[in-house]
Amino acid sequence: MRRWMFLGGAILAEVTGTLSMKAALDSPILYVVMGVGYAAAFVLLSLTLRCGMPLGVAYGIWGATGVALTAVLSLVFFGEPLTPMMIAGIACIMVGVVLVETGGDR
């Protein structure tokens, strides 16, 4: 259970860092939040791996979920578009992660 909590924290920290990068264009102090977010993301991802989650699974879930959340939250916070093609791309990424995760269960 701890590894999933660490992975969830890593995802949230990475998304926070990424959204802060965009927001920092108007408010440069947010570059600090960006740096802390990315540093926390990597520490938490390392803890996820230390708890025994395979690298391919952890990184795949981290990356795919981060992309999906960032795209949706960019729509909410910055009014950026989320087109049907982008939604299809996010779905493809998520299917790929599921395939990577289940592919090792032989």
Protein backbone atom coordinates (compact mmCIF):
# COMPACT_ATOMS: atom_id res chain seq x y z
CA MET A 1 0.00 0.00 0.00
CA ARG A 2 2.89 2.39 0.76
CA ARG A 3 4.25 2.13 -2.75
CA TRP A 4 0.91 3.29 -4.19
CA MET A 5 0.81 6.21 -1.75
CA PHE A 6 4.34 7.20 -2.75
CA LEU A 7 3.44 6.88 -6.43
CA GLY A 8 0.31 8.99 -5.97
CA GLY A 9 2.38 11.63 -4.20
CA ALA A 10 4.97 11.54 -7.00
CA ILE A 11 2.24 12.08 -9.58
CA LEU A 12 0.70 14.99 -7.69
CA ALA A 13 4.11 16.59 -7.09
CA GLU A 14 5.05 16.30 -10.78
CA VAL A 15 1.74 17.74 -11.95
CA THR A 16 2.09 20.59 -9.44
CA GLY A 17 5.59 21.31 -10.73
CA THR A 18 4.45 21.27 -14.33
CA LEU A 19 1.44 23.52 -13.75
CA SER A 20 3.64 25.86 -11.72
CA MET A 21 6.01 26.14 -14.67
CA LYS A 22 3.21 27.57 -16.80
CA ALA A 23 1.93 29.82 -14.02
CA ALA A 24 5.46 31.09 -13.31
CA LEU A 25 5.46 32.86 -16.67
CA ASP A 26 3.18 35.44 -15.01
CA SER A 27 4.41 35.07 -11.44
CA PRO A 28 8.13 34.13 -11.32
CA ILE A 29 8.04 33.18 -7.63
CA LEU A 30 6.24 30.02 -8.74
CA TYR A 31 9.51 28.73 -10.19
CA VAL A 32 10.30 27.81 -6.59
CA VAL A 33 7.13 25.71 -6.44
CA MET A 34 8.11 24.13 -9.75
CA GLY A 35 11.55 23.14 -8.45
CA VAL A 36 10.18 21.77 -5.19
CA GLY A 37 7.47 19.88 -7.07
CA TYR A 38 9.91 18.18 -9.40
CA ALA A 39 12.37 17.38 -6.61
CA ALA A 40 9.56 15.88 -4.50
CA ALA A 41 8.32 13.90 -7.50
CA PHE A 42 11.68 12.23 -8.02
CA VAL A 43 12.17 11.51 -4.32
CA LEU A 44 8.71 9.97 -4.08
CA LEU A 45 9.23 7.98 -7.28
CA SER A 46 12.47 6.63 -5.79
CA LEU A 47 10.62 5.62 -2.64
CA THR A 48 8.03 3.86 -4.81
CA LEU A 49 10.79 1.82 -6.41
CA ARG A 50 12.39 1.13 -3.03
CA CYS A 51 9.07 -0.38 -1.90
CA GLY A 52 9.31 -2.93 -4.69
CA MET A 53 7.26 -1.58 -7.58
CA PRO A 54 8.90 -2.48 -10.91
CA LEU A 55 10.45 0.48 -12.73
CA GLY A 56 8.47 0.01 -15.95
CA VAL A 57 5.18 -0.07 -14.06
CA ALA A 58 5.98 2.86 -11.77
CA TYR A 59 7.36 5.08 -14.51
CA GLY A 60 4.56 4.20 -16.91
CA ILE A 61 1.81 4.99 -14.44
CA TRP A 62 3.63 8.12 -13.25
CA GLY A 63 4.15 9.42 -16.77
CA ALA A 64 0.73 8.56 -18.18
CA THR A 65 -1.22 9.82 -15.21
CA GLY A 66 0.89 12.97 -15.11
CA VAL A 67 0.18 13.66 -18.79
CA ALA A 68 -3.56 13.08 -18.38
CA LEU A 69 -3.88 15.18 -15.22
CA THR A 70 -1.76 17.98 -16.64
CA ALA A 71 -3.85 18.13 -19.80
CA VAL A 72 -7.14 18.22 -17.89
CA LEU A 73 -5.91 20.71 -15.29
CA SER A 74 -4.43 22.93 -18.01
CA LEU A 75 -7.95 23.18 -19.37
CA VAL A 76 -9.31 24.08 -15.93
CA PHE A 77 -6.60 26.55 -14.83
CA PHE A 78 -5.33 28.02 -18.08
CA GLY A 79 -8.19 27.51 -20.53
CA GLU A 80 -5.98 25.44 -22.82
CA PRO A 81 -7.80 23.21 -25.33
CA LEU A 82 -8.45 19.53 -24.80
CA THR A 83 -9.37 18.29 -28.25
CA PRO A 84 -10.80 14.91 -29.19
CA MET A 85 -7.40 14.01 -30.70
CA MET A 86 -5.68 14.83 -27.40
CA ILE A 87 -8.22 12.75 -25.49
CA ALA A 88 -7.58 9.85 -27.88
CA GLY A 89 -3.83 10.23 -27.31
CA ILE A 90 -4.29 10.15 -23.54
CA ALA A 91 -6.41 6.99 -23.91
CA CYS A 92 -3.66 5.38 -26.02
CA ILE A 93 -1.06 6.21 -23.38
CA MET A 94 -3.21 4.68 -20.67
CA VAL A 95 -3.79 1.52 -22.71
CA GLY A 96 -0.03 1.28 -23.21
CA VAL A 97 0.56 1.53 -19.47
CA VAL A 98 -1.95 -1.24 -18.81
CA LEU A 99 -0.21 -3.43 -21.41
CA VAL A 100 3.19 -2.79 -19.83
CA GLU A 101 1.83 -3.50 -16.36
CA THR A 102 0.07 -6.72 -17.30
CA GLY A 103 2.73 -7.86 -19.80
CA GLY A 104 5.03 -9.11 -17.05
CA ASP A 105 2.41 -11.45 -15.56
CA ARG A 106 3.45 -14.61 -17.44
